[in-house]
């Protein structure tokens, strides 16, 4: 049986979506947040139809057995959709399963954690700043609950925070990592914002902020 997934895209080979693994990345349509620096804004709208069928993804994966290490479900926000059956089908092919999440749906994340091998967890900023980044109110408790579930699960993970001009200052980014460590996260990392795929207005703001920071004082 084919799960009714709305899939916005497929990266057939990636070495950066799961550290140390060569994977295919499935981008799920739909996200409840609207991050300033989103590099997949076309994936935000949950009403947008999928661009590729799950059966086509499975057919491709069947040709990559022994060549790929696994599959990463990303987004959008991957936990917005029911991935249970899809994960089982991936495992039946002998592939590992990774998951990218921002922690928007702690209940669904809790259901998926026993089924996956690795999670990439995005901490968008320190408490008090997250809402500015994601464009939504009341998200911090969900992030806290989701991170607690991940850390208690025993599943391998990477906690990361994106920073750069127009996103977070270095001090804010370091505060986000300090907060993650205080929750029990091991070795959280900073990753620089990438401009590819972001909205034009964000790229303009990013470049203006970056230029201003390079301008000598007094000029």
N, C-alpha and C. Protein backbone atom coordinates (compact mmCIF):
# COMPACT_ATOMS: atom_id res chain seq x y z
N UNK A 1 0.85 -1.20 0.00
CA UNK A 1 0.00 0.00 0.00
C UNK A 1 0.88 1.25 0.00
N UNK A 2 0.52 2.23 -0.83
CA UNK A 2 1.31 3.45 -0.94
C UNK A 2 0.78 4.52 -0.01
N UNK A 3 1.60 5.05 0.90
CA UNK A 3 1.11 6.09 1.81
C UNK A 3 0.82 7.37 1.04
N UNK A 4 -0.22 8.12 1.44
CA UNK A 4 -0.60 9.33 0.73
C UNK A 4 0.26 10.52 1.15
N UNK A 5 1.50 10.54 0.71
CA UNK A 5 2.41 11.62 1.08
C UNK A 5 2.42 12.71 0.01
N UNK A 6 2.46 13.96 0.46
CA UNK A 6 2.66 15.08 -0.45
C UNK A 6 4.15 15.40 -0.44
N UNK A 7 4.80 15.11 -1.55
CA UNK A 7 6.26 15.23 -1.64
C UNK A 7 6.61 16.36 -2.59
N UNK A 8 7.35 17.34 -2.09
CA UNK A 8 7.69 18.49 -2.89
C UNK A 8 8.92 18.31 -3.76
N UNK A 9 9.76 17.32 -3.43
CA UNK A 9 10.96 17.11 -4.22
C UNK A 9 11.80 15.96 -3.69
N UNK A 10 12.77 15.56 -4.48
CA UNK A 10 13.66 14.46 -4.12
C UNK A 10 15.08 14.80 -4.53
N UNK A 11 16.00 14.79 -3.58
CA UNK A 11 17.43 14.89 -3.88
C UNK A 11 17.95 13.45 -3.94
N UNK A 12 18.37 13.03 -5.10
CA UNK A 12 18.70 11.62 -5.31
C UNK A 12 20.01 11.19 -4.65
N UNK A 13 20.87 12.13 -4.37
CA UNK A 13 22.13 11.77 -3.71
C UNK A 13 22.65 12.98 -2.94
N UNK A 14 22.80 12.85 -1.64
CA UNK A 14 23.27 13.94 -0.80
C UNK A 14 24.28 13.42 0.21
N UNK A 15 25.34 14.17 0.40
CA UNK A 15 26.33 13.82 1.42
C UNK A 15 26.29 14.79 2.59
N UNK A 16 25.34 15.74 2.59
CA UNK A 16 25.31 16.75 3.65
C UNK A 16 24.05 16.70 4.51
N UNK A 17 23.05 15.91 4.14
CA UNK A 17 21.80 15.90 4.91
C UNK A 17 21.82 14.95 6.10
N UNK A 18 22.80 14.06 6.14
CA UNK A 18 22.99 13.16 7.28
C UNK A 18 24.49 12.99 7.42
N UNK A 19 25.14 13.65 8.36
CA UNK A 19 26.59 13.63 8.44
C UNK A 19 27.18 12.22 8.40
N UNK A 20 28.11 12.04 7.46
CA UNK A 20 28.78 10.76 7.34
C UNK A 20 28.04 9.72 6.53
N UNK A 21 26.87 10.06 6.01
CA UNK A 21 26.09 9.11 5.24
C UNK A 21 25.78 9.67 3.84
N UNK A 22 25.70 8.76 2.88
CA UNK A 22 25.26 9.10 1.53
C UNK A 22 23.80 8.71 1.42
N UNK A 23 22.94 9.70 1.17
CA UNK A 23 21.50 9.46 1.28
C UNK A 23 20.73 10.08 0.11
N UNK A 24 19.50 9.63 -0.02
CA UNK A 24 18.50 10.36 -0.80
C UNK A 24 17.66 11.15 0.19
N UNK A 25 17.27 12.36 -0.20
CA UNK A 25 16.49 13.21 0.70
C UNK A 25 15.13 13.48 0.10
N UNK A 26 14.10 13.16 0.86
CA UNK A 26 12.71 13.37 0.44
C UNK A 26 12.20 14.63 1.12
N UNK A 27 11.77 15.61 0.33
CA UNK A 27 11.29 16.88 0.85
C UNK A 27 9.77 16.86 0.91
N UNK A 28 9.23 16.87 2.13
CA UNK A 28 7.79 16.80 2.33
C UNK A 28 7.16 18.19 2.22
N UNK A 29 6.00 18.25 1.58
CA UNK A 29 5.30 19.51 1.41
C UNK A 29 4.58 19.92 2.69
N UNK A 30 4.63 21.21 3.00
CA UNK A 30 3.88 21.74 4.13
C UNK A 30 4.73 22.04 5.34
N UNK A 31 4.53 23.23 5.92
CA UNK A 31 5.24 23.61 7.15
C UNK A 31 4.40 24.64 7.89
N UNK A 32 4.28 24.50 9.22
CA UNK A 32 3.47 25.45 9.99
C UNK A 32 4.21 26.75 10.31
N UNK A 33 5.52 26.81 10.04
CA UNK A 33 6.31 27.99 10.34
C UNK A 33 6.74 28.67 9.05
N UNK A 34 7.23 29.88 9.17
CA UNK A 34 7.64 30.68 8.01
C UNK A 34 8.95 31.37 8.35
N UNK A 35 10.02 30.61 8.38
CA UNK A 35 11.32 31.12 8.83
C UNK A 35 11.86 32.19 7.88
N UNK A 36 12.50 33.19 8.46
CA UNK A 36 13.04 34.29 7.68
C UNK A 36 13.92 33.81 6.54
N UNK A 37 14.76 32.83 6.81
CA UNK A 37 15.77 32.41 5.86
C UNK A 37 15.43 31.09 5.16
N UNK A 38 14.16 30.72 5.17
CA UNK A 38 13.77 29.46 4.55
C UNK A 38 14.32 29.35 3.13
N UNK A 39 15.02 28.26 2.84
CA UNK A 39 15.55 28.08 1.49
C UNK A 39 14.69 27.13 0.67
N UNK A 40 13.53 26.74 1.22
CA UNK A 40 12.53 25.97 0.47
C UNK A 40 11.14 26.59 0.66
N UNK A 41 10.97 27.90 0.38
CA UNK A 41 9.67 28.53 0.66
C UNK A 41 8.51 27.92 -0.12
N UNK A 42 8.79 27.29 -1.25
CA UNK A 42 7.72 26.63 -2.01
C UNK A 42 7.13 25.44 -1.26
N UNK A 43 7.84 24.96 -0.25
CA UNK A 43 7.35 23.81 0.50
C UNK A 43 6.47 24.20 1.69
N UNK A 44 6.30 25.48 1.96
CA UNK A 44 5.56 25.90 3.15
C UNK A 44 4.07 25.61 3.02
N UNK A 45 3.47 25.92 1.89
CA UNK A 45 2.02 25.80 1.71
C UNK A 45 1.57 24.34 1.76
N UNK A 46 0.79 23.93 2.78
CA UNK A 46 0.36 22.53 2.87
C UNK A 46 -0.69 22.15 1.84
N UNK A 47 -1.28 23.15 1.19
CA UNK A 47 -2.31 22.88 0.19
C UNK A 47 -1.72 22.61 -1.19
N UNK A 48 -0.47 22.89 -1.34
CA UNK A 48 0.19 22.70 -2.64
C UNK A 48 0.35 21.20 -2.90
N UNK A 49 -0.04 20.73 -4.09
CA UNK A 49 0.07 19.29 -4.36
C UNK A 49 1.52 18.85 -4.47
N UNK A 50 1.73 17.58 -4.21
CA UNK A 50 3.08 17.03 -4.33
C UNK A 50 3.57 17.04 -5.77
N UNK A 51 4.90 17.08 -5.92
CA UNK A 51 5.50 17.12 -7.24
C UNK A 51 5.93 15.74 -7.71
N UNK A 52 5.99 14.79 -6.79
CA UNK A 52 6.44 13.43 -7.13
C UNK A 52 5.70 12.45 -6.22
N UNK A 53 5.33 11.31 -6.76
CA UNK A 53 4.61 10.30 -5.98
C UNK A 53 5.56 9.43 -5.16
N UNK A 54 5.09 8.99 -4.01
CA UNK A 54 5.91 8.12 -3.16
C UNK A 54 6.26 6.83 -3.88
N UNK A 55 5.36 6.32 -4.70
CA UNK A 55 5.67 5.09 -5.43
C UNK A 55 6.86 5.30 -6.37
N UNK A 56 6.99 6.51 -6.93
CA UNK A 56 8.14 6.80 -7.79
C UNK A 56 9.42 6.90 -6.97
N UNK A 57 9.31 7.45 -5.78
CA UNK A 57 10.47 7.52 -4.88
C UNK A 57 10.92 6.10 -4.53
N UNK A 58 9.98 5.23 -4.17
CA UNK A 58 10.33 3.85 -3.82
C UNK A 58 10.97 3.13 -4.99
N UNK A 59 10.45 3.34 -6.19
CA UNK A 59 11.02 2.70 -7.37
C UNK A 59 12.46 3.14 -7.57
N UNK A 60 12.74 4.42 -7.35
CA UNK A 60 14.11 4.91 -7.45
C UNK A 60 14.99 4.28 -6.38
N UNK A 61 14.50 4.26 -5.14
CA UNK A 61 15.30 3.73 -4.03
C UNK A 61 15.65 2.26 -4.26
N UNK A 62 14.74 1.52 -4.89
CA UNK A 62 14.99 0.10 -5.16
C UNK A 62 16.19 -0.08 -6.09
N UNK A 63 16.46 0.93 -6.91
CA UNK A 63 17.62 0.84 -7.82
C UNK A 63 18.92 1.27 -7.15
N UNK A 64 18.82 1.78 -5.91
CA UNK A 64 20.00 2.28 -5.21
C UNK A 64 20.36 1.45 -3.99
N UNK A 65 19.77 0.28 -3.86
CA UNK A 65 20.15 -0.61 -2.76
C UNK A 65 21.62 -0.99 -2.88
N UNK A 66 22.35 -0.86 -1.80
CA UNK A 66 23.77 -1.13 -1.81
C UNK A 66 24.62 0.06 -2.22
N UNK A 67 23.98 1.12 -2.71
CA UNK A 67 24.70 2.32 -3.12
C UNK A 67 24.47 3.48 -2.15
N UNK A 68 23.25 3.59 -1.65
CA UNK A 68 22.93 4.61 -0.67
C UNK A 68 22.91 4.00 0.74
N UNK A 69 23.24 4.84 1.72
CA UNK A 69 23.19 4.39 3.11
C UNK A 69 21.79 4.53 3.71
N UNK A 70 21.03 5.49 3.19
CA UNK A 70 19.72 5.71 3.79
C UNK A 70 18.91 6.77 3.09
N UNK A 71 17.82 7.11 3.73
CA UNK A 71 16.89 8.13 3.25
C UNK A 71 16.64 9.11 4.39
N UNK A 72 16.67 10.40 4.08
CA UNK A 72 16.32 11.43 5.05
C UNK A 72 15.00 12.05 4.64
N UNK A 73 14.07 12.10 5.58
CA UNK A 73 12.81 12.79 5.37
C UNK A 73 12.97 14.21 5.90
N UNK A 74 12.82 15.18 5.00
CA UNK A 74 13.03 16.58 5.33
C UNK A 74 11.79 17.38 4.93
N UNK A 75 11.94 18.69 4.85
CA UNK A 75 10.76 19.48 4.53
C UNK A 75 11.10 20.81 3.93
N UNK A 76 10.15 21.74 4.08
CA UNK A 76 8.96 21.72 4.95
C UNK A 76 9.29 21.20 6.36
N UNK A 77 8.26 20.76 7.01
CA UNK A 77 8.40 20.08 8.30
C UNK A 77 7.93 18.65 8.12
N UNK A 78 8.90 17.73 8.15
CA UNK A 78 8.60 16.33 7.80
C UNK A 78 7.57 15.70 8.73
N UNK A 79 7.55 16.08 9.99
CA UNK A 79 6.64 15.43 10.93
C UNK A 79 5.20 15.91 10.79
N UNK A 80 4.93 16.82 9.87
CA UNK A 80 3.55 17.25 9.63
C UNK A 80 2.74 16.12 9.00
N UNK A 81 3.41 15.21 8.28
CA UNK A 81 2.73 14.11 7.61
C UNK A 81 3.03 12.79 8.33
N UNK A 82 2.17 11.82 8.11
CA UNK A 82 2.33 10.50 8.73
C UNK A 82 3.34 9.69 7.92
N UNK A 83 4.51 9.48 8.52
CA UNK A 83 5.61 8.81 7.82
C UNK A 83 5.77 7.35 8.21
N UNK A 84 4.92 6.86 9.07
CA UNK A 84 5.11 5.53 9.64
C UNK A 84 5.24 4.46 8.56
N UNK A 85 4.32 4.40 7.64
CA UNK A 85 4.35 3.37 6.62
C UNK A 85 5.51 3.56 5.66
N UNK A 86 5.78 4.81 5.30
CA UNK A 86 6.88 5.09 4.40
C UNK A 86 8.22 4.66 5.01
N UNK A 87 8.39 4.91 6.30
CA UNK A 87 9.63 4.50 6.97
C UNK A 87 9.78 2.99 6.93
N UNK A 88 8.69 2.28 7.16
CA UNK A 88 8.75 0.83 7.10
C UNK A 88 9.15 0.34 5.71
N UNK A 89 8.67 0.98 4.68
CA UNK A 89 9.01 0.58 3.31
C UNK A 89 10.47 0.87 3.00
N UNK A 90 10.99 1.96 3.53
CA UNK A 90 12.41 2.26 3.36
C UNK A 90 13.26 1.21 4.06
N UNK A 91 12.88 0.85 5.27
CA UNK A 91 13.63 -0.15 6.01
C UNK A 91 13.61 -1.51 5.30
N UNK A 92 12.49 -1.81 4.65
CA UNK A 92 12.37 -3.08 3.93
C UNK A 92 13.37 -3.16 2.79
N UNK A 93 13.86 -2.00 2.33
CA UNK A 93 14.87 -1.96 1.27
C UNK A 93 16.29 -2.05 1.84
N UNK A 94 16.39 -2.14 3.16
CA UNK A 94 17.70 -2.24 3.79
C UNK A 94 18.40 -0.91 3.98
N UNK A 95 17.63 0.18 3.96
CA UNK A 95 18.20 1.52 4.09
C UNK A 95 17.92 2.10 5.47
N UNK A 96 18.85 2.91 5.96
CA UNK A 96 18.65 3.63 7.20
C UNK A 96 17.69 4.79 7.00
N UNK A 97 17.20 5.33 8.11
CA UNK A 97 16.21 6.41 8.04
C UNK A 97 16.65 7.58 8.92
N UNK A 98 16.74 8.75 8.29
CA UNK A 98 17.02 9.98 9.01
C UNK A 98 15.83 10.92 8.92
N UNK A 99 15.80 11.90 9.82
CA UNK A 99 14.67 12.82 9.89
C UNK A 99 15.17 14.21 10.23
N UNK A 100 14.69 15.21 9.48
CA UNK A 100 14.93 16.61 9.82
C UNK A 100 13.67 17.18 10.46
N UNK A 101 13.82 17.91 11.54
CA UNK A 101 12.65 18.51 12.19
C UNK A 101 13.05 19.78 12.93
N UNK A 102 12.04 20.63 13.13
CA UNK A 102 12.20 21.84 13.94
C UNK A 102 11.51 21.70 15.28
N UNK A 103 10.83 20.57 15.46
CA UNK A 103 10.14 20.34 16.72
C UNK A 103 8.75 20.92 16.79
N UNK A 104 8.13 21.16 15.63
CA UNK A 104 6.82 21.80 15.60
C UNK A 104 5.69 20.90 16.07
N UNK A 105 5.90 19.58 15.98
CA UNK A 105 4.84 18.62 16.33
C UNK A 105 5.40 17.58 17.29
N UNK A 106 5.53 17.90 18.56
CA UNK A 106 6.16 16.96 19.50
C UNK A 106 5.45 15.61 19.57
N UNK A 107 4.12 15.58 19.50
CA UNK A 107 3.41 14.31 19.56
C UNK A 107 3.78 13.39 18.42
N UNK A 108 3.83 13.94 17.22
CA UNK A 108 4.18 13.13 16.05
C UNK A 108 5.64 12.73 16.07
N UNK A 109 6.50 13.64 16.55
CA UNK A 109 7.91 13.29 16.66
C UNK A 109 8.09 12.12 17.61
N UNK A 110 7.38 12.15 18.73
CA UNK A 110 7.48 11.06 19.69
C UNK A 110 7.10 9.72 19.10
N UNK A 111 6.13 9.71 18.19
CA UNK A 111 5.72 8.47 17.54
C UNK A 111 6.76 7.96 16.56
N UNK A 112 7.52 8.90 15.95
CA UNK A 112 8.48 8.52 14.91
C UNK A 112 9.85 8.14 15.47
N UNK A 113 10.19 8.65 16.64
CA UNK A 113 11.54 8.43 17.15
C UNK A 113 11.94 6.95 17.26
N UNK A 114 11.03 6.05 17.67
CA UNK A 114 11.45 4.64 17.72
C UNK A 114 11.72 4.03 16.34
N UNK A 115 11.35 4.74 15.28
CA UNK A 115 11.43 4.18 13.93
C UNK A 115 12.64 4.68 13.14
N UNK A 116 13.34 5.71 13.65
CA UNK A 116 14.40 6.33 12.87
C UNK A 116 15.76 6.08 13.50
N UNK A 117 16.81 6.31 12.71
CA UNK A 117 18.18 6.08 13.15
C UNK A 117 18.90 7.35 13.56
N UNK A 118 18.44 8.47 13.02
CA UNK A 118 19.14 9.74 13.25
C UNK A 118 18.18 10.89 13.04
N UNK A 119 18.36 11.98 13.81
CA UNK A 119 17.53 13.17 13.69
C UNK A 119 18.41 14.40 13.61
N UNK A 120 18.15 15.25 12.63
CA UNK A 120 18.74 16.58 12.58
C UNK A 120 17.73 17.56 13.14
N UNK A 121 18.04 18.16 14.29
CA UNK A 121 17.08 19.01 15.01
C UNK A 121 17.54 20.45 14.94
N UNK A 122 16.70 21.30 14.35
CA UNK A 122 17.04 22.71 14.17
C UNK A 122 16.51 23.54 15.35
N UNK A 123 17.42 24.10 16.12
CA UNK A 123 17.07 25.08 17.14
C UNK A 123 17.18 26.44 16.48
N UNK A 124 16.07 27.11 16.29
CA UNK A 124 16.04 28.32 15.47
C UNK A 124 16.64 29.54 16.17
N UNK A 125 16.72 29.50 17.48
CA UNK A 125 17.27 30.62 18.23
C UNK A 125 17.07 30.39 19.71
N UNK A 126 17.59 31.29 20.52
CA UNK A 126 17.38 31.17 21.97
C UNK A 126 15.95 31.55 22.33
N UNK A 127 15.47 31.13 23.49
CA UNK A 127 14.13 31.55 23.93
C UNK A 127 13.99 33.07 23.86
N UNK A 128 12.85 33.52 23.38
CA UNK A 128 12.62 34.95 23.23
C UNK A 128 12.94 35.47 21.85
N UNK A 129 13.68 34.67 21.07
CA UNK A 129 14.07 35.07 19.72
C UNK A 129 13.42 34.16 18.67
N UNK A 130 13.09 32.95 19.06
CA UNK A 130 12.57 31.95 18.14
C UNK A 130 11.36 32.46 17.35
N UNK A 131 10.44 33.13 18.04
CA UNK A 131 9.22 33.57 17.37
C UNK A 131 9.51 34.57 16.25
N UNK A 132 10.51 35.41 16.44
CA UNK A 132 10.90 36.34 15.38
C UNK A 132 11.43 35.60 14.17
N UNK A 133 12.16 34.54 14.40
CA UNK A 133 12.74 33.78 13.30
C UNK A 133 11.67 33.02 12.53
N UNK A 134 10.75 32.38 13.22
CA UNK A 134 9.80 31.47 12.56
C UNK A 134 8.49 32.14 12.17
N UNK A 135 8.28 33.38 12.62
CA UNK A 135 7.07 34.09 12.23
C UNK A 135 5.79 33.57 12.85
N UNK A 136 5.90 32.89 13.98
CA UNK A 136 4.73 32.33 14.67
C UNK A 136 4.88 32.54 16.17
N UNK A 137 3.75 32.64 16.87
CA UNK A 137 3.78 32.79 18.32
C UNK A 137 3.59 31.44 19.01
N UNK A 138 4.08 31.39 20.24
CA UNK A 138 3.81 30.23 21.09
C UNK A 138 4.51 28.96 20.70
N UNK A 139 5.65 29.05 20.02
CA UNK A 139 6.31 27.83 19.53
C UNK A 139 7.35 27.28 20.52
N UNK A 140 7.85 28.11 21.43
CA UNK A 140 8.93 27.66 22.30
C UNK A 140 8.58 26.41 23.12
N UNK A 141 7.38 26.31 23.72
CA UNK A 141 7.07 25.08 24.45
C UNK A 141 7.12 23.82 23.58
N UNK A 142 6.72 23.94 22.33
CA UNK A 142 6.78 22.79 21.43
C UNK A 142 8.22 22.39 21.16
N UNK A 143 9.08 23.38 20.95
CA UNK A 143 10.49 23.09 20.73
C UNK A 143 11.08 22.40 21.95
N UNK A 144 10.78 22.90 23.12
CA UNK A 144 11.32 22.31 24.35
C UNK A 144 10.85 20.87 24.53
N UNK A 145 9.57 20.64 24.28
CA UNK A 145 9.03 19.28 24.44
C UNK A 145 9.64 18.33 23.42
N UNK A 146 9.78 18.80 22.19
CA UNK A 146 10.34 17.95 21.14
C UNK A 146 11.80 17.61 21.41
N UNK A 147 12.57 18.60 21.83
CA UNK A 147 13.98 18.33 22.12
C UNK A 147 14.11 17.37 23.29
N UNK A 148 13.28 17.52 24.30
CA UNK A 148 13.32 16.61 25.44
C UNK A 148 13.01 15.18 25.00
N UNK A 149 12.04 15.01 24.13
CA UNK A 149 11.70 13.68 23.62
C UNK A 149 12.87 13.08 22.85
N UNK A 150 13.51 13.89 22.03
CA UNK A 150 14.65 13.40 21.25
C UNK A 150 15.78 12.97 22.17
N UNK A 151 16.12 13.81 23.13
CA UNK A 151 17.26 13.50 24.00
C UNK A 151 17.00 12.28 24.88
N UNK A 152 15.73 12.04 25.21
CA UNK A 152 15.40 10.88 26.04
C UNK A 152 15.28 9.60 25.23
N UNK A 153 15.24 9.71 23.91
CA UNK A 153 14.96 8.55 23.06
C UNK A 153 16.16 7.65 22.84
N UNK A 154 17.36 8.19 22.96
CA UNK A 154 18.55 7.42 22.65
C UNK A 154 18.89 7.39 21.17
N UNK A 155 18.10 8.05 20.33
CA UNK A 155 18.37 8.10 18.90
C UNK A 155 19.54 9.05 18.64
N UNK A 156 20.41 8.69 17.71
CA UNK A 156 21.52 9.55 17.33
C UNK A 156 20.96 10.85 16.75
N UNK A 157 21.67 11.97 16.95
CA UNK A 157 21.12 13.25 16.52
C UNK A 157 22.23 14.27 16.30
N UNK A 158 21.84 15.34 15.66
CA UNK A 158 22.65 16.56 15.60
C UNK A 158 21.72 17.74 15.85
N UNK A 159 22.06 18.56 16.83
CA UNK A 159 21.34 19.80 17.08
C UNK A 159 22.14 20.91 16.42
N UNK A 160 21.46 21.75 15.62
CA UNK A 160 22.18 22.80 14.92
C UNK A 160 21.36 24.08 14.91
N UNK A 161 22.08 25.20 14.81
CA UNK A 161 21.46 26.52 14.75
C UNK A 161 22.05 27.28 13.57
N UNK A 162 21.18 27.87 12.76
CA UNK A 162 21.60 28.66 11.61
C UNK A 162 21.78 30.12 12.03
N UNK A 163 22.86 30.73 11.56
CA UNK A 163 23.11 32.11 11.93
C UNK A 163 23.72 32.86 10.75
N UNK A 164 23.73 34.17 10.84
CA UNK A 164 24.31 35.00 9.79
C UNK A 164 23.56 36.32 9.71
N UNK A 165 24.01 37.25 8.90
CA UNK A 165 23.36 38.55 8.76
C UNK A 165 21.89 38.41 8.40
N UNK A 166 21.04 39.14 9.13
CA UNK A 166 19.61 39.09 8.88
C UNK A 166 18.91 37.94 9.56
N UNK A 167 19.66 37.06 10.26
CA UNK A 167 19.07 35.91 10.95
C UNK A 167 19.31 36.07 12.45
N UNK A 168 20.46 35.65 12.90
CA UNK A 168 20.86 35.78 14.29
C UNK A 168 22.24 36.42 14.34
N UNK A 169 22.48 37.22 15.36
CA UNK A 169 23.84 37.66 15.62
C UNK A 169 24.64 36.48 16.15
N UNK A 170 25.94 36.62 16.16
CA UNK A 170 26.78 35.56 16.71
C UNK A 170 26.44 35.33 18.18
N UNK A 171 26.18 36.41 18.92
CA UNK A 171 25.83 36.26 20.33
C UNK A 171 24.52 35.52 20.51
N UNK A 172 23.51 35.82 19.67
CA UNK A 172 22.24 35.12 19.74
C UNK A 172 22.40 33.65 19.39
N UNK A 173 23.22 33.38 18.37
CA UNK A 173 23.46 31.99 17.98
C UNK A 173 24.14 31.21 19.09
N UNK A 174 25.13 31.83 19.72
CA UNK A 174 25.81 31.17 20.84
C UNK A 174 24.84 30.95 22.01
N UNK A 175 23.92 31.89 22.20
CA UNK A 175 22.91 31.73 23.26
C UNK A 175 22.00 30.55 22.95
N UNK A 176 21.68 30.36 21.68
CA UNK A 176 20.86 29.21 21.28
C UNK A 176 21.58 27.90 21.58
N UNK A 177 22.87 27.85 21.28
CA UNK A 177 23.64 26.64 21.57
C UNK A 177 23.74 26.41 23.07
N UNK A 178 23.94 27.49 23.82
CA UNK A 178 24.02 27.36 25.28
C UNK A 178 22.71 26.83 25.83
N UNK A 179 21.59 27.31 25.29
CA UNK A 179 20.29 26.82 25.74
C UNK A 179 20.15 25.33 25.43
N UNK A 180 20.55 24.92 24.22
CA UNK A 180 20.46 23.51 23.85
C UNK A 180 21.32 22.64 24.77
N UNK A 181 22.52 23.12 25.09
CA UNK A 181 23.37 22.37 26.01
C UNK A 181 22.72 22.25 27.39
N UNK A 182 22.08 23.32 27.82
CA UNK A 182 21.43 23.30 29.14
C UNK A 182 20.29 22.28 29.17
N UNK A 183 19.70 21.99 28.02
CA UNK A 183 18.66 20.97 27.96
C UNK A 183 19.24 19.56 27.93
N UNK A 184 20.56 19.46 27.67
CA UNK A 184 21.21 18.16 27.64
C UNK A 184 21.75 17.76 26.29
N UNK A 185 21.65 18.64 25.28
CA UNK A 185 22.13 18.31 23.94
C UNK A 185 23.66 18.30 23.91
N UNK A 186 24.22 17.27 23.31
CA UNK A 186 25.67 17.16 23.19
C UNK A 186 26.13 17.75 21.86
N UNK A 187 27.17 18.58 21.94
CA UNK A 187 27.85 19.09 20.75
C UNK A 187 26.95 19.77 19.73
N UNK A 188 26.08 20.69 20.14
CA UNK A 188 25.31 21.44 19.15
C UNK A 188 26.25 22.27 18.27
N UNK A 189 25.84 22.51 17.04
CA UNK A 189 26.73 23.17 16.08
C UNK A 189 26.06 24.39 15.47
N UNK A 190 26.89 25.32 15.02
CA UNK A 190 26.43 26.46 14.24
C UNK A 190 26.62 26.16 12.77
N UNK A 191 25.64 26.56 11.96
CA UNK A 191 25.79 26.45 10.51
C UNK A 191 25.45 27.80 9.88
N UNK A 192 26.29 28.27 8.95
CA UNK A 192 26.02 29.57 8.33
C UNK A 192 24.80 29.51 7.44
N UNK A 193 24.05 30.61 7.41
CA UNK A 193 22.88 30.67 6.53
C UNK A 193 23.34 30.55 5.09
N UNK A 194 22.55 29.87 4.28
CA UNK A 194 22.84 29.81 2.85
C UNK A 194 21.73 30.55 2.10
N UNK A 195 22.12 31.26 1.07
CA UNK A 195 21.18 32.13 0.36
C UNK A 195 20.44 31.42 -0.76
N UNK A 196 20.96 30.30 -1.24
CA UNK A 196 20.32 29.60 -2.35
C UNK A 196 18.88 29.23 -2.00
N UNK A 197 17.95 29.68 -2.83
CA UNK A 197 16.56 29.31 -2.65
C UNK A 197 15.77 30.23 -1.74
N UNK A 198 16.45 31.13 -1.02
CA UNK A 198 15.73 32.03 -0.11
C UNK A 198 14.99 33.10 -0.90
N UNK A 199 14.05 33.76 -0.26
CA UNK A 199 13.27 34.81 -0.91
C UNK A 199 14.16 36.01 -1.25
N UNK A 200 13.77 36.71 -2.29
CA UNK A 200 14.55 37.85 -2.75
C UNK A 200 14.71 38.91 -1.67
N UNK A 201 13.63 39.16 -0.90
CA UNK A 201 13.70 40.19 0.13
C UNK A 201 14.67 39.80 1.25
N UNK A 202 14.77 38.49 1.55
CA UNK A 202 15.73 38.08 2.56
C UNK A 202 17.15 38.25 2.05
N UNK A 203 17.39 37.88 0.80
CA UNK A 203 18.74 38.02 0.25
C UNK A 203 19.17 39.48 0.25
N UNK A 204 18.24 40.39 -0.09
CA UNK A 204 18.57 41.81 -0.09
C UNK A 204 18.90 42.29 1.32
N UNK A 205 18.08 41.88 2.31
CA UNK A 205 18.33 42.29 3.69
C UNK A 205 19.64 41.71 4.20
N UNK A 206 19.92 40.46 3.84
CA UNK A 206 21.16 39.80 4.25
C UNK A 206 22.36 40.55 3.70
N UNK A 207 22.31 40.89 2.43
CA UNK A 207 23.45 41.57 1.81
C UNK A 207 23.64 42.96 2.37
N UNK A 208 22.50 43.66 2.66
CA UNK A 208 22.61 45.00 3.24
C UNK A 208 23.22 44.94 4.63
N UNK A 209 22.79 43.98 5.43
CA UNK A 209 23.34 43.83 6.78
C UNK A 209 24.81 43.46 6.74
N UNK A 210 25.16 42.56 5.83
CA UNK A 210 26.55 42.13 5.70
C UNK A 210 27.42 43.30 5.26
N UNK A 211 26.94 44.12 4.33
CA UNK A 211 27.70 45.26 3.85
C UNK A 211 27.90 46.29 4.95
N UNK A 212 26.83 46.52 5.72
CA UNK A 212 26.92 47.50 6.80
C UNK A 212 27.94 47.07 7.86
N UNK A 213 28.01 45.76 8.10
CA UNK A 213 28.94 45.27 9.12
C UNK A 213 30.37 45.38 8.67
N UNK A 214 30.60 45.50 7.34
CA UNK A 214 31.97 45.64 6.83
C UNK A 214 32.37 47.10 6.65
N UNK A 215 31.42 48.03 6.79
CA UNK A 215 31.72 49.44 6.59
C UNK A 215 32.48 49.99 7.79
N UNK A 216 33.67 50.59 7.58
CA UNK A 216 34.42 51.11 8.72
C UNK A 216 33.64 52.22 9.41
N UNK A 217 33.77 52.32 10.74
CA UNK A 217 33.08 53.36 11.48
C UNK A 217 33.64 54.71 11.09
N UNK A 218 32.77 55.71 11.07
CA UNK A 218 33.22 57.05 10.75
C UNK A 218 33.17 57.38 9.28
N UNK A 219 32.73 56.42 8.43
CA UNK A 219 32.64 56.69 7.01
C UNK A 219 31.21 56.91 6.61
